[in-house]
Amino acid sequence: MSANPVLETKPMGFPWETADPFLFCVHHDDAYPAGNERLGPSVPLTGRTLGNDFARKDGWSMYHGQTVPGFPQHPHRGFETVTIVRKGLIDHSDSLGATARFGAGDVQWLTAGKGIVHCEMFPLVDTKKPNPLELFQIWLNLPKSAKMVDPYFSMLWNDQIRVHIAKDAAGKSTEVTVVAGKLGEAAGPKPPPDSWAARADSDIAIWTIRMEPGARVTLPAAKAGTNRTLYPFVGESLSVAGKSIPRGHLAKLKADVDVELVNGPKAADLLLLQGRPIGEPVVSYGPFVMNTREEIQQAFEDYRRTEFGGWPWRTDDPTHAREAERFAKHVDGRVEKAGVSSKR
C-alpha cells in the first residue's frame, strides 16, 4: 500500500505558512460596516490603534489605514503580489502611475521586481448597508535572475478567469477557479512575463475551490518535486486521501499522486497553492525579499535614495470616487474597464 499523500497538517495561523516558491499568504475577511462620506467606517474608531490596527475589533480592522481601511503607500522589491478579491473593493495606486479599482473576483498580479511603491485601500462605498471584504494576498518569489526586472502591473478581471466544474457520481459539484495553472480545459490567464509562473516547468497552480456539502473530487497529480499545499478555510470537515483534516489546519500534500477530497456536511472553500520550488536562498526584511543580507541593505539604500520612482499621488492613501466602477489605468495610459475593455 502506498504512503498517504498527506505529508503534514498544521494550524493555519495568521498569515498562513507557505512553501517555496510562495513566501506568504494572508486571508483578510472583514465585516466592515456602512461607509461614511470619506469612504471610511461610519462608526467611531475609538479603541483602535490607528495606523496599526490588526485586532479585528467588531469583526474588522483598519490595518495601517487611518481614515479608510487598508495599506497606504509602502515599497516592495524582489517578488510578486497576487491579490484575489472575493468580496468588496480595493483601490490601488502605485509609483509607476498605475491606478485601479477592482473586486468581485478580480485578481491583481503585480511584479515588484527592482522596486515599486503601492497602496491598497479598502473603500467602503455603500452608505446604507455593510461593506464586507474578503481577499487573499499571496506573495510569489522571483528567482535571482528576475529580482531586478522592471516592475509590471497587470489586472486579471473575473471574466478572464476560467472555472472548472466537476460533478461526482452523486451529482454534487466542485467549482475550481483557476487563477494560475490549468485544470482540465480551464487554464489560468497569462501571468506577467518575468513571473516564475510564466515558466513552462514551474508547475504553478493558484486555485480557489468551492465544494458542495458531501461533494467528492480528485485533484490530479502534479509533477514530482512540486510543493503543494491545501488550505481549507470554510467548512466543517474535510477528508483528504482518507485522512481527516482538523478544522483550521492546512495540509501539505505529496504532489505527484492523485488526491481525493471528500467534503463534510457543509459547503467548503479551499485554496490550493502549488509550484516547483525556486530553491535559492531567501533573505527577507519587511517588504523586501532578496537572496543575501547585502542585497537587503542595498534595497533599503536604493529606496531611501530613489523612493523607487517617487510617489505621484497627493496623499499616501488615495481612493477613487464612490461611484467609480471597476477599472485599471496602466502605466502607458491605457484604461481598462472590467468586463468591457479587458480583452488584450
C-alpha atoms as a PDB file:
ATOM      1  CA  MET A   1       0.000   0.000   0.000  1.00  0.00           C
ATOM      2  CA  SER A   2       1.361   3.413  -0.940  1.00  0.00           C
ATOM      3  CA  ALA A   3       2.006   6.024   1.736  1.00  0.00           C
ATOM      4  CA  ASN A   4      -0.704   8.584   2.446  1.00  0.00           C
ATOM      5  CA  PRO A   5      -0.154  11.675   0.253  1.00  0.00           C
ATOM      6  CA  VAL A   6      -0.881  13.970   3.209  1.00  0.00           C
ATOM      7  CA  LEU A   7       2.655  14.743   4.305  1.00  0.00           C
ATOM      8  CA  GLU A   8       1.799  17.085   7.183  1.00  0.00           C
ATOM      9  CA  THR A   9      -1.045  19.011   8.769  1.00  0.00           C
ATOM     10  CA  LYS A  10      -0.641  22.042  10.995  1.00  0.00           C
ATOM     11  CA  PRO A  11      -2.652  25.031  12.253  1.00  0.00           C
ATOM     12  CA  MET A  12      -3.045  27.709   9.589  1.00  0.00           C
ATOM     13  CA  GLY A  13      -2.346  30.705  11.840  1.00  0.00           C
ATOM     14  CA  PHE A  14      -2.032  34.263  10.506  1.00  0.00           C
ATOM     15  CA  PRO A  15      -0.544  34.634   7.966  1.00  0.00           C
ATOM     16  CA  TRP A  16      -0.721  31.134   6.514  1.00  0.00           C
ATOM     17  CA  GLU A  17       2.510  29.199   6.180  1.00  0.00           C
ATOM     18  CA  THR A  18       3.620  28.683   2.577  1.00  0.00           C
ATOM     19  CA  ALA A  19       6.231  26.622   0.748  1.00  0.00           C
ATOM     20  CA  ASP A  20       8.787  27.645  -1.904  1.00  0.00           C
ATOM     21  CA  PRO A  21       8.132  29.298  -4.387  1.00  0.00           C
ATOM     22  CA  PHE A  22       5.466  31.055  -2.283  1.00  0.00           C
ATOM     23  CA  LEU A  23       6.544  33.364   0.520  1.00  0.00           C
ATOM     24  CA  PHE A  24       3.382  34.499   2.260  1.00  0.00           C
ATOM     25  CA  CYS A  25      -0.391  34.127   2.154  1.00  0.00           C
ATOM     26  CA  VAL A  26      -2.885  36.141   4.156  1.00  0.00           C
ATOM     27  CA  HIS A  27      -6.662  35.816   4.165  1.00  0.00           C
ATOM     28  CA  HIS A  28      -8.485  39.037   5.048  1.00  0.00           C
ATOM     29  CA  ASP A  29     -12.175  38.582   5.901  1.00  0.00           C
ATOM     30  CA  ASP A  30     -13.578  41.805   7.362  1.00  0.00           C
ATOM     31  CA  ALA A  31     -17.205  42.591   8.209  1.00  0.00           C
ATOM     32  CA  TYR A  32     -16.976  46.340   7.598  1.00  0.00           C
ATOM     33  CA  PRO A  33     -19.994  48.489   8.493  1.00  0.00           C
ATOM     34  CA  ALA A  34     -21.665  51.045   6.241  1.00  0.00           C
ATOM     35  CA  GLY A  35     -19.343  53.732   4.923  1.00  0.00           C
ATOM     36  CA  ASN A  36     -19.208  57.438   5.678  1.00  0.00           C
ATOM     37  CA  GLU A  37     -18.683  60.413   3.369  1.00  0.00           C
ATOM     38  CA  ARG A  38     -14.903  59.743   3.296  1.00  0.00           C
ATOM     39  CA  LEU A  39     -15.266  56.041   2.349  1.00  0.00           C
ATOM     40  CA  GLY A  40     -14.280  55.005   5.849  1.00  0.00           C
ATOM     41  CA  PRO A  41     -16.356  53.261   8.543  1.00  0.00           C
ATOM     42  CA  SER A  42     -19.478  55.123   9.650  1.00  0.00           C
ATOM     43  CA  VAL A  43     -18.883  54.121  13.278  1.00  0.00           C
ATOM     44  CA  PRO A  44     -16.445  55.642  15.798  1.00  0.00           C
ATOM     45  CA  LEU A  45     -12.841  54.432  15.647  1.00  0.00           C
ATOM     46  CA  THR A  46     -12.243  54.798  19.363  1.00  0.00           C
ATOM     47  CA  GLY A  47     -10.426  51.902  20.990  1.00  0.00           C
ATOM     48  CA  ARG A  48      -8.392  51.139  17.852  1.00  0.00           C
ATOM     49  CA  THR A  49      -4.652  51.587  17.412  1.00  0.00           C
ATOM     50  CA  LEU A  50      -4.952  53.663  14.263  1.00  0.00           C
ATOM     51  CA  GLY A  51      -2.029  53.184  11.921  1.00  0.00           C
ATOM     52  CA  ASN A  52      -1.507  49.612  13.133  1.00  0.00           C
ATOM     53  CA  ASP A  53      -4.914  48.070  13.811  1.00  0.00           C
ATOM     54  CA  PHE A  54      -4.990  44.297  13.310  1.00  0.00           C
ATOM     55  CA  ALA A  55      -7.164  43.483  16.355  1.00  0.00           C
ATOM     56  CA  ARG A  56     -10.377  42.592  14.444  1.00  0.00           C
ATOM     57  CA  LYS A  57     -12.472  44.572  16.915  1.00  0.00           C
ATOM     58  CA  ASP A  58     -16.139  44.081  15.942  1.00  0.00           C
ATOM     59  CA  GLY A  59     -15.005  41.708  13.179  1.00  0.00           C
ATOM     60  CA  TRP A  60     -12.842  44.115  11.180  1.00  0.00           C
ATOM     61  CA  SER A  61      -9.552  46.009  11.235  1.00  0.00           C
ATOM     62  CA  MET A  62      -8.305  49.329   9.886  1.00  0.00           C
ATOM     63  CA  TYR A  63      -4.834  47.803   9.278  1.00  0.00           C
ATOM     64  CA  HIS A  64      -2.497  50.716   8.514  1.00  0.00           C
ATOM     65  CA  GLY A  65      -5.309  52.992   7.315  1.00  0.00           C
ATOM     66  CA  GLN A  66      -6.437  55.871   9.494  1.00  0.00           C
ATOM     67  CA  THR A  67      -9.490  57.114   7.562  1.00  0.00           C
ATOM     68  CA  VAL A  68     -10.115  54.310   5.052  1.00  0.00           C
ATOM     69  CA  PRO A  69      -9.094  50.742   5.957  1.00  0.00           C
ATOM     70  CA  GLY A  70      -6.128  49.291   4.120  1.00  0.00           C
ATOM     71  CA  PHE A  71      -2.451  49.749   3.456  1.00  0.00           C
ATOM     72  CA  PRO A  72      -1.204  53.238   2.491  1.00  0.00           C
ATOM     73  CA  GLN A  73       1.913  53.566   0.335  1.00  0.00           C
ATOM     74  CA  HIS A  74       4.683  51.063   1.034  1.00  0.00           C
ATOM     75  CA  PRO A  75       7.552  49.617  -1.041  1.00  0.00           C
ATOM     76  CA  HIS A  76       8.336  46.135  -2.357  1.00  0.00           C
ATOM     77  CA  ARG A  77      11.317  44.561  -4.100  1.00  0.00           C
ATOM     78  CA  GLY A  78      12.227  41.057  -5.226  1.00  0.00           C
ATOM     79  CA  PHE A  79       8.890  39.212  -5.503  1.00  0.00           C
ATOM     80  CA  GLU A  80       5.297  39.408  -6.777  1.00  0.00           C
ATOM     81  CA  THR A  81       1.948  40.018  -5.116  1.00  0.00           C
ATOM     82  CA  VAL A  82      -1.142  38.154  -6.295  1.00  0.00           C
ATOM     83  CA  THR A  83      -4.282  39.707  -4.785  1.00  0.00           C
ATOM     84  CA  ILE A  84      -7.585  37.839  -5.188  1.00  0.00           C
ATOM     85  CA  VAL A  85     -10.641  39.842  -4.112  1.00  0.00           C
ATOM     86  CA  ARG A  86     -13.678  37.671  -3.374  1.00  0.00           C
ATOM     87  CA  LYS A  87     -15.871  40.397  -1.828  1.00  0.00           C
ATOM     88  CA  GLY A  88     -15.594  44.175  -1.635  1.00  0.00           C
ATOM     89  CA  LEU A  89     -13.227  46.530  -3.431  1.00  0.00           C
ATOM     90  CA  ILE A  90      -9.574  47.570  -3.455  1.00  0.00           C
ATOM     91  CA  ASP A  91      -8.356  50.957  -4.663  1.00  0.00           C
ATOM     92  CA  HIS A  92      -4.779  50.644  -5.947  1.00  0.00           C
ATOM     93  CA  SER A  93      -2.237  53.352  -6.804  1.00  0.00           C
ATOM     94  CA  ASP A  94       1.499  52.958  -7.390  1.00  0.00           C
ATOM     95  CA  SER A  95       4.766  54.739  -8.105  1.00  0.00           C
ATOM     96  CA  LEU A  96       4.588  53.783 -11.785  1.00  0.00           C
ATOM     97  CA  GLY A  97       1.479  55.946 -12.140  1.00  0.00           C
ATOM     98  CA  ALA A  98      -0.870  52.976 -12.481  1.00  0.00           C
ATOM     99  CA  THR A  99      -4.144  53.002 -10.597  1.00  0.00           C
ATOM    100  CA  ALA A 100      -7.178  50.742 -10.329  1.00  0.00           C
ATOM    101  CA  ARG A 101     -10.337  49.740  -8.531  1.00  0.00           C
ATOM    102  CA  PHE A 102     -11.009  46.012  -8.514  1.00  0.00           C
ATOM    103  CA  GLY A 103     -13.097  43.377  -6.734  1.00  0.00           C
ATOM    104  CA  ALA A 104     -15.891  40.858  -7.383  1.00  0.00           C
ATOM    105  CA  GLY A 105     -13.474  38.035  -8.203  1.00  0.00           C
ATOM    106  CA  ASP A 106     -10.840  40.164  -9.941  1.00  0.00           C
ATOM    107  CA  VAL A 107      -7.135  39.477  -9.404  1.00  0.00           C
ATOM    108  CA  GLN A 108      -4.242  41.912  -9.443  1.00  0.00           C
ATOM    109  CA  TRP A 109      -0.846  40.412 -10.263  1.00  0.00           C
ATOM    110  CA  LEU A 110       1.990  42.819  -9.544  1.00  0.00           C
ATOM    111  CA  THR A 111       5.663  42.117 -10.228  1.00  0.00           C
ATOM    112  CA  ALA A 112       7.625  44.325  -7.828  1.00  0.00           C
ATOM    113  CA  GLY A 113      10.965  43.402  -9.410  1.00  0.00           C
ATOM    114  CA  LYS A 114      13.621  46.037  -8.735  1.00  0.00           C
ATOM    115  CA  GLY A 115      11.201  48.169  -6.787  1.00  0.00           C
ATOM    116  CA  ILE A 116       7.707  49.621  -6.637  1.00  0.00           C
ATOM    117  CA  VAL A 117       5.676  51.596  -4.111  1.00  0.00           C
ATOM    118  CA  HIS A 118       1.953  50.963  -3.978  1.00  0.00           C
ATOM    119  CA  CYS A 119      -1.071  51.387  -1.764  1.00  0.00           C
ATOM    120  CA  GLU A 120      -4.093  49.142  -1.289  1.00  0.00           C
ATOM    121  CA  MET A 121      -7.088  50.843   0.282  1.00  0.00           C
ATOM    122  CA  PHE A 122     -10.476  49.272   1.022  1.00  0.00           C
ATOM    123  CA  PRO A 123     -13.150  51.885   0.198  1.00  0.00           C
ATOM    124  CA  LEU A 124     -16.475  51.420   1.972  1.00  0.00           C
ATOM    125  CA  VAL A 125     -18.666  52.679  -0.861  1.00  0.00           C
ATOM    126  CA  ASP A 126     -22.107  51.651   0.457  1.00  0.00           C
ATOM    127  CA  THR A 127     -23.508  54.137   2.985  1.00  0.00           C
ATOM    128  CA  LYS A 128     -26.734  52.204   3.633  1.00  0.00           C
ATOM    129  CA  LYS A 129     -25.555  48.681   4.461  1.00  0.00           C
ATOM    130  CA  PRO A 130     -22.408  46.760   5.460  1.00  0.00           C
ATOM    131  CA  ASN A 131     -19.346  46.548   3.192  1.00  0.00           C
ATOM    132  CA  PRO A 132     -17.907  43.028   3.634  1.00  0.00           C
ATOM    133  CA  LEU A 133     -14.392  42.499   2.287  1.00  0.00           C
ATOM    134  CA  GLU A 134     -12.686  39.184   1.625  1.00  0.00           C
ATOM    135  CA  LEU A 135      -9.385  38.749  -0.156  1.00  0.00           C
ATOM    136  CA  PHE A 136      -6.209  36.746  -0.386  1.00  0.00           C
ATOM    137  CA  GLN A 137      -2.820  38.315  -0.827  1.00  0.00           C
ATOM    138  CA  ILE A 138      -0.202  35.834  -1.932  1.00  0.00           C
ATOM    139  CA  TRP A 139       3.498  36.594  -2.287  1.00  0.00           C
ATOM    140  CA  LEU A 140       5.225  34.618  -5.040  1.00  0.00           C
ATOM    141  CA  ASN A 141       9.007  34.699  -5.047  1.00  0.00           C
ATOM    142  CA  LEU A 142      11.154  35.694  -8.016  1.00  0.00           C
ATOM    143  CA  PRO A 143      14.381  33.849  -8.819  1.00  0.00           C
ATOM    144  CA  LYS A 144      17.659  35.749  -8.552  1.00  0.00           C
ATOM    145  CA  SER A 145      17.703  36.226 -12.334  1.00  0.00           C
ATOM    146  CA  ALA A 146      14.407  38.167 -12.164  1.00  0.00           C
ATOM    147  CA  LYS A 147      14.587  40.016  -8.858  1.00  0.00           C
ATOM    148  CA  MET A 148      15.739  43.251 -10.511  1.00  0.00           C
ATOM    149  CA  VAL A 149      13.439  43.229 -13.548  1.00  0.00           C
ATOM    150  CA  ASP A 150      11.272  46.250 -14.263  1.00  0.00           C
ATOM    151  CA  PRO A 151       8.042  46.322 -12.228  1.00  0.00           C
ATOM    152  CA  TYR A 152       4.934  45.110 -14.045  1.00  0.00           C
ATOM    153  CA  PHE A 153       1.302  45.897 -13.205  1.00  0.00           C
ATOM    154  CA  SER A 154      -1.462  43.635 -14.512  1.00  0.00           C
ATOM    155  CA  MET A 155      -5.157  43.043 -13.884  1.00  0.00           C
ATOM    156  CA  LEU A 156      -6.932  39.717 -14.369  1.00  0.00           C
ATOM    157  CA  TRP A 157     -10.633  40.574 -14.479  1.00  0.00           C
ATOM    158  CA  ASN A 158     -13.095  37.987 -13.268  1.00  0.00           C
ATOM    159  CA  ASP A 159     -14.421  37.412 -16.815  1.00  0.00           C
ATOM    160  CA  GLN A 160     -10.915  36.334 -17.869  1.00  0.00           C
ATOM    161  CA  ILE A 161     -10.575  33.712 -15.135  1.00  0.00           C
ATOM    162  CA  ARG A 162     -11.854  30.247 -16.027  1.00  0.00           C
ATOM    163  CA  VAL A 163     -13.787  27.981 -13.694  1.00  0.00           C
ATOM    164  CA  HIS A 164     -13.584  24.172 -13.869  1.00  0.00           C
ATOM    165  CA  ILE A 165     -16.760  22.414 -12.679  1.00  0.00           C
ATOM    166  CA  ALA A 166     -16.640  18.748 -11.674  1.00  0.00           C
ATOM    167  CA  LYS A 167     -19.615  16.640 -10.650  1.00  0.00           C
ATOM    168  CA  ASP A 168     -19.221  13.438  -8.674  1.00  0.00           C
ATOM    169  CA  ALA A 169     -21.267  10.245  -9.040  1.00  0.00           C
ATOM    170  CA  ALA A 170     -23.940  11.674  -6.752  1.00  0.00           C
ATOM    171  CA  GLY A 171     -24.213  14.840  -8.862  1.00  0.00           C
ATOM    172  CA  LYS A 172     -22.576  17.069  -6.259  1.00  0.00           C
ATOM    173  CA  SER A 173     -20.443  19.887  -7.665  1.00  0.00           C
ATOM    174  CA  THR A 174     -16.962  21.199  -7.045  1.00  0.00           C
ATOM    175  CA  GLU A 175     -16.019  24.502  -8.685  1.00  0.00           C
ATOM    176  CA  VAL A 176     -12.343  25.341  -9.138  1.00  0.00           C
ATOM    177  CA  THR A 177     -11.412  28.912 -10.080  1.00  0.00           C
ATOM    178  CA  VAL A 178      -8.092  28.717 -11.932  1.00  0.00           C
ATOM    179  CA  VAL A 179      -6.132  31.898 -11.217  1.00  0.00           C
ATOM    180  CA  ALA A 180      -2.913  30.221 -12.374  1.00  0.00           C
ATOM    181  CA  GLY A 181      -2.103  26.840 -13.840  1.00  0.00           C
ATOM    182  CA  LYS A 182      -4.501  24.502 -15.620  1.00  0.00           C
ATOM    183  CA  LEU A 183      -7.211  22.061 -14.645  1.00  0.00           C
ATOM    184  CA  GLY A 184      -8.987  20.164 -17.389  1.00  0.00           C
ATOM    185  CA  GLU A 185      -9.846  22.654 -20.108  1.00  0.00           C
ATOM    186  CA  ALA A 186      -9.633  25.629 -17.725  1.00  0.00           C
ATOM    187  CA  ALA A 187      -6.304  27.463 -17.977  1.00  0.00           C
ATOM    188  CA  GLY A 188      -5.382  30.499 -15.929  1.00  0.00           C
ATOM    189  CA  PRO A 189      -4.771  33.870 -17.603  1.00  0.00           C
ATOM    190  CA  LYS A 190      -1.264  34.602 -18.817  1.00  0.00           C
ATOM    191  CA  PRO A 191       0.917  35.681 -15.864  1.00  0.00           C
ATOM    192  CA  PRO A 192       3.357  38.624 -16.035  1.00  0.00           C
ATOM    193  CA  PRO A 193       6.305  37.966 -18.345  1.00  0.00           C
ATOM    194  CA  ASP A 194       9.033  37.729 -15.682  1.00  0.00           C
ATOM    195  CA  SER A 195       6.986  35.702 -13.206  1.00  0.00           C
ATOM    196  CA  TRP A 196       8.132  32.278 -12.045  1.00  0.00           C
ATOM    197  CA  ALA A 197       4.620  31.251 -13.107  1.00  0.00           C
ATOM    198  CA  ALA A 198       5.421  32.250 -16.711  1.00  0.00           C
ATOM    199  CA  ARG A 199       7.980  29.417 -16.946  1.00  0.00           C
ATOM    200  CA  ALA A 200       6.541  26.296 -18.540  1.00  0.00           C
ATOM    201  CA  ASP A 201       8.201  23.994 -15.992  1.00  0.00           C
ATOM    202  CA  SER A 202       7.227  25.958 -12.856  1.00  0.00           C
ATOM    203  CA  ASP A 203       4.086  23.832 -12.261  1.00  0.00           C
ATOM    204  CA  ILE A 204       2.433  26.828 -10.585  1.00  0.00           C
ATOM    205  CA  ALA A 205      -1.205  26.498  -9.591  1.00  0.00           C
ATOM    206  CA  ILE A 206      -3.305  29.008  -7.663  1.00  0.00           C
ATOM    207  CA  TRP A 207      -6.838  27.667  -7.327  1.00  0.00           C
ATOM    208  CA  THR A 208      -9.801  28.544  -5.149  1.00  0.00           C
ATOM    209  CA  ILE A 209     -12.102  25.567  -4.654  1.00  0.00           C
ATOM    210  CA  ARG A 210     -15.784  25.534  -3.668  1.00  0.00           C
ATOM    211  CA  MET A 211     -17.269  22.144  -2.705  1.00  0.00           C
ATOM    212  CA  GLU A 212     -20.935  21.409  -2.148  1.00  0.00           C
ATOM    213  CA  PRO A 213     -21.851  19.544   1.051  1.00  0.00           C
ATOM    214  CA  GLY A 214     -20.808  15.925   0.665  1.00  0.00           C
ATOM    215  CA  ALA A 215     -19.031  16.507  -2.666  1.00  0.00           C
ATOM    216  CA  ARG A 216     -16.123  14.361  -3.809  1.00  0.00           C
ATOM    217  CA  VAL A 217     -13.399  15.460  -6.220  1.00  0.00           C
ATOM    218  CA  THR A 218      -9.946  14.239  -7.201  1.00  0.00           C
ATOM    219  CA  LEU A 219      -7.022  16.643  -7.554  1.00  0.00           C
ATOM    220  CA  PRO A 220      -4.930  15.331 -10.448  1.00  0.00           C
ATOM    221  CA  ALA A 221      -1.263  14.648  -9.858  1.00  0.00           C
ATOM    222  CA  ALA A 222       1.237  17.444 -10.413  1.00  0.00           C
ATOM    223  CA  LYS A 223       4.952  16.984 -11.167  1.00  0.00           C
ATOM    224  CA  ALA A 224       7.363  15.211  -8.857  1.00  0.00           C
ATOM    225  CA  GLY A 225       9.301  17.701  -6.766  1.00  0.00           C
ATOM    226  CA  THR A 226       6.498  20.259  -6.741  1.00  0.00           C
ATOM    227  CA  ASN A 227       5.327  21.712  -3.431  1.00  0.00           C
ATOM    228  CA  ARG A 228       1.538  21.522  -2.981  1.00  0.00           C
ATOM    229  CA  THR A 229      -0.406  22.929  -0.020  1.00  0.00           C
ATOM    230  CA  LEU A 230      -4.150  22.893   0.587  1.00  0.00           C
ATOM    231  CA  TYR A 231      -5.840  25.453   2.857  1.00  0.00           C
ATOM    232  CA  PRO A 232      -9.457  24.650   3.871  1.00  0.00           C
ATOM    233  CA  PHE A 233     -10.773  27.965   5.215  1.00  0.00           C
ATOM    234  CA  VAL A 234     -14.572  27.495   5.188  1.00  0.00           C
ATOM    235  CA  GLY A 235     -16.451  24.317   6.093  1.00  0.00           C
ATOM    236  CA  GLU A 236     -16.996  21.858   8.890  1.00  0.00           C
ATOM    237  CA  SER A 237     -14.880  18.858   7.931  1.00  0.00           C
ATOM    238  CA  LEU A 238     -12.770  17.604   5.061  1.00  0.00           C
ATOM    239  CA  SER A 239     -11.206  14.237   4.244  1.00  0.00           C
ATOM    240  CA  VAL A 240      -8.040  14.311   2.129  1.00  0.00           C
ATOM    241  CA  ALA A 241      -6.991  10.904   0.779  1.00  0.00           C
ATOM    242  CA  GLY A 242      -8.926   9.335   3.631  1.00  0.00           C
ATOM    243  CA  LYS A 243      -7.273  11.487   6.292  1.00  0.00           C
ATOM    244  CA  SER A 244      -9.498  13.861   8.268  1.00  0.00           C
ATOM    245  CA  ILE A 245      -8.057  17.385   8.279  1.00  0.00           C
ATOM    246  CA  PRO A 246      -8.798  19.231  11.524  1.00  0.00           C
ATOM    247  CA  ARG A 247     -10.716  22.478  11.119  1.00  0.00           C
ATOM    248  CA  GLY A 248      -8.354  25.428  10.822  1.00  0.00           C
ATOM    249  CA  HIS A 249      -5.451  23.286   9.611  1.00  0.00           C
ATOM    250  CA  LEU A 250      -3.553  23.267   6.317  1.00  0.00           C
ATOM    251  CA  ALA A 251      -2.382  20.111   4.575  1.00  0.00           C
ATOM    252  CA  LYS A 252       0.948  19.686   2.798  1.00  0.00           C
ATOM    253  CA  LEU A 253       0.478  17.129   0.045  1.00  0.00           C
ATOM    254  CA  LYS A 254       2.661  14.824  -1.988  1.00  0.00           C
ATOM    255  CA  ALA A 255       2.227  16.430  -5.400  1.00  0.00           C
ATOM    256  CA  ASP A 256       2.800  13.635  -7.902  1.00  0.00           C
ATOM    257  CA  VAL A 257      -0.207  11.487  -6.966  1.00  0.00           C
ATOM    258  CA  ASP A 258      -3.949  11.956  -7.393  1.00  0.00           C
ATOM    259  CA  VAL A 259      -5.630  13.077  -4.167  1.00  0.00           C
ATOM    260  CA  GLU A 260      -9.318  12.573  -3.405  1.00  0.00           C
ATOM    261  CA  LEU A 261     -11.128  15.229  -1.374  1.00  0.00           C
ATOM    262  CA  VAL A 262     -14.393  14.382   0.376  1.00  0.00           C
ATOM    263  CA  ASN A 263     -16.290  17.278   1.888  1.00  0.00           C
ATOM    264  CA  GLY A 264     -18.331  17.155   5.075  1.00  0.00           C
ATOM    265  CA  PRO A 265     -21.946  18.242   5.641  1.00  0.00           C
ATOM    266  CA  LYS A 266     -21.420  21.960   4.974  1.00  0.00           C
ATOM    267  CA  ALA A 267     -20.185  23.807   1.888  1.00  0.00           C
ATOM    268  CA  ALA A 268     -16.410  24.217   1.909  1.00  0.00           C
ATOM    269  CA  ASP A 269     -13.969  26.736   0.468  1.00  0.00           C
ATOM    270  CA  LEU A 270     -10.308  25.869  -0.063  1.00  0.00           C
ATOM    271  CA  LEU A 271      -7.227  27.486  -1.516  1.00  0.00           C
ATOM    272  CA  LEU A 272      -4.564  25.439  -3.288  1.00  0.00           C
ATOM    273  CA  LEU A 273      -1.036  26.733  -3.844  1.00  0.00           C
ATOM    274  CA  GLN A 274       1.490  24.644  -5.722  1.00  0.00           C
ATOM    275  CA  GLY A 275       4.714  25.191  -7.594  1.00  0.00           C
ATOM    276  CA  ARG A 276       8.150  23.872  -8.336  1.00  0.00           C
ATOM    277  CA  PRO A 277      10.491  25.372  -5.736  1.00  0.00           C
ATOM    278  CA  ILE A 278      12.955  28.009  -6.861  1.00  0.00           C
ATOM    279  CA  GLY A 279      15.489  26.517  -4.469  1.00  0.00           C
ATOM    280  CA  GLU A 280      17.525  29.667  -3.804  1.00  0.00           C
ATOM    281  CA  PRO A 281      18.386  31.383  -0.515  1.00  0.00           C
ATOM    282  CA  VAL A 282      15.596  33.625   0.786  1.00  0.00           C
ATOM    283  CA  VAL A 283      16.536  36.637   2.889  1.00  0.00           C
ATOM    284  CA  SER A 284      13.632  38.909   3.708  1.00  0.00           C
ATOM    285  CA  TYR A 285      13.160  42.021   5.755  1.00  0.00           C
ATOM    286  CA  GLY A 286       9.706  43.561   5.786  1.00  0.00           C
ATOM    287  CA  PRO A 287       8.745  44.477   2.211  1.00  0.00           C
ATOM    288  CA  PHE A 288      11.968  43.266   0.555  1.00  0.00           C
ATOM    289  CA  VAL A 289      12.838  39.667  -0.374  1.00  0.00           C
ATOM    290  CA  MET A 290      16.277  39.004  -1.818  1.00  0.00           C
ATOM    291  CA  ASN A 291      18.984  36.305  -1.745  1.00  0.00           C
ATOM    292  CA  THR A 292      21.529  37.891   0.620  1.00  0.00           C
ATOM    293  CA  ARG A 293      21.670  40.322   3.540  1.00  0.00           C
ATOM    294  CA  GLU A 294      23.789  42.653   1.420  1.00  0.00           C
ATOM    295  CA  GLU A 295      21.018  42.795  -1.194  1.00  0.00           C
ATOM    296  CA  ILE A 296      18.505  43.684   1.535  1.00  0.00           C
ATOM    297  CA  GLN A 297      20.763  46.503   2.715  1.00  0.00           C
ATOM    298  CA  GLN A 298      21.075  47.706  -0.868  1.00  0.00           C
ATOM    299  CA  ALA A 299      17.288  47.655  -1.227  1.00  0.00           C
ATOM    300  CA  PHE A 300      16.915  49.980   1.768  1.00  0.00           C
ATOM    301  CA  GLU A 301      19.614  52.276   0.452  1.00  0.00           C
ATOM    302  CA  ASP A 302      18.038  52.377  -3.003  1.00  0.00           C
ATOM    303  CA  TYR A 303      14.615  53.101  -1.562  1.00  0.00           C
ATOM    304  CA  ARG A 304      15.931  55.930   0.600  1.00  0.00           C
ATOM    305  CA  ARG A 305      17.739  57.422  -2.394  1.00  0.00           C
ATOM    306  CA  THR A 306      15.169  56.972  -5.162  1.00  0.00           C
ATOM    307  CA  GLU A 307      11.856  56.106  -3.464  1.00  0.00           C
ATOM    308  CA  PHE A 308      11.560  53.647  -6.377  1.00  0.00           C
ATOM    309  CA  GLY A 309      10.499  56.432  -8.687  1.00  0.00           C
ATOM    310  CA  GLY A 310       8.719  58.609  -6.152  1.00  0.00           C
ATOM    311  CA  TRP A 311       5.091  58.870  -5.139  1.00  0.00           C
ATOM    312  CA  PRO A 312       2.997  60.786  -7.725  1.00  0.00           C
ATOM    313  CA  TRP A 313      -0.219  61.000  -5.658  1.00  0.00           C
ATOM    314  CA  ARG A 314      -1.345  63.803  -3.332  1.00  0.00           C
ATOM    315  CA  THR A 315      -1.850  61.541  -0.325  1.00  0.00           C
ATOM    316  CA  ASP A 316      -0.374  58.298   0.979  1.00  0.00           C
ATOM    317  CA  ASP A 317      -3.789  56.606   0.833  1.00  0.00           C
ATOM    318  CA  PRO A 318      -5.596  57.745  -2.334  1.00  0.00           C
ATOM    319  CA  THR A 319      -9.033  56.357  -3.146  1.00  0.00           C
ATOM    320  CA  HIS A 320     -11.371  56.745  -6.112  1.00  0.00           C
ATOM    321  CA  ALA A 321     -14.794  58.352  -6.248  1.00  0.00           C
ATOM    322  CA  ARG A 322     -17.569  56.453  -4.526  1.00  0.00           C
ATOM    323  CA  GLU A 323     -19.396  55.934  -7.829  1.00  0.00           C
ATOM    324  CA  ALA A 324     -16.316  54.736  -9.766  1.00  0.00           C
ATOM    325  CA  GLU A 325     -16.739  51.368 -11.458  1.00  0.00           C
ATOM    326  CA  ARG A 326     -14.017  48.708 -11.538  1.00  0.00           C
ATOM    327  CA  PHE A 327     -11.221  49.881 -13.835  1.00  0.00           C
ATOM    328  CA  ALA A 328      -7.466  49.985 -14.323  1.00  0.00           C
ATOM    329  CA  LYS A 329      -5.309  52.759 -15.727  1.00  0.00           C
ATOM    330  CA  HIS A 330      -1.968  51.352 -16.852  1.00  0.00           C
ATOM    331  CA  VAL A 331       1.439  52.974 -16.959  1.00  0.00           C
ATOM    332  CA  ASP A 332       1.091  53.668 -20.690  1.00  0.00           C
ATOM    333  CA  GLY A 333      -2.216  55.482 -20.147  1.00  0.00           C
ATOM    334  CA  ARG A 334      -4.342  52.603 -21.395  1.00  0.00           C
ATOM    335  CA  VAL A 335      -7.615  52.323 -19.461  1.00  0.00           C
ATOM    336  CA  GLU A 336      -9.490  49.068 -18.957  1.00  0.00           C
ATOM    337  CA  LYS A 337     -12.993  48.736 -17.571  1.00  0.00           C
ATOM    338  CA  ALA A 338     -13.925  45.435 -16.008  1.00  0.00           C
ATOM    339  CA  GLY A 339     -15.897  43.304 -18.442  1.00  0.00           C
ATOM    340  CA  VAL A 340     -15.714  45.941 -21.188  1.00  0.00           C
ATOM    341  CA  SER A 341     -12.164  46.530 -22.423  1.00  0.00           C
ATOM    342  CA  SER A 342     -10.348  43.707 -20.689  1.00  0.00           C
ATOM    343  CA  LYS A 343      -9.552  41.819 -23.884  1.00  0.00           C
ATOM    344  CA  ARG A 344      -5.921  42.086 -24.905  1.00  0.00           C
END
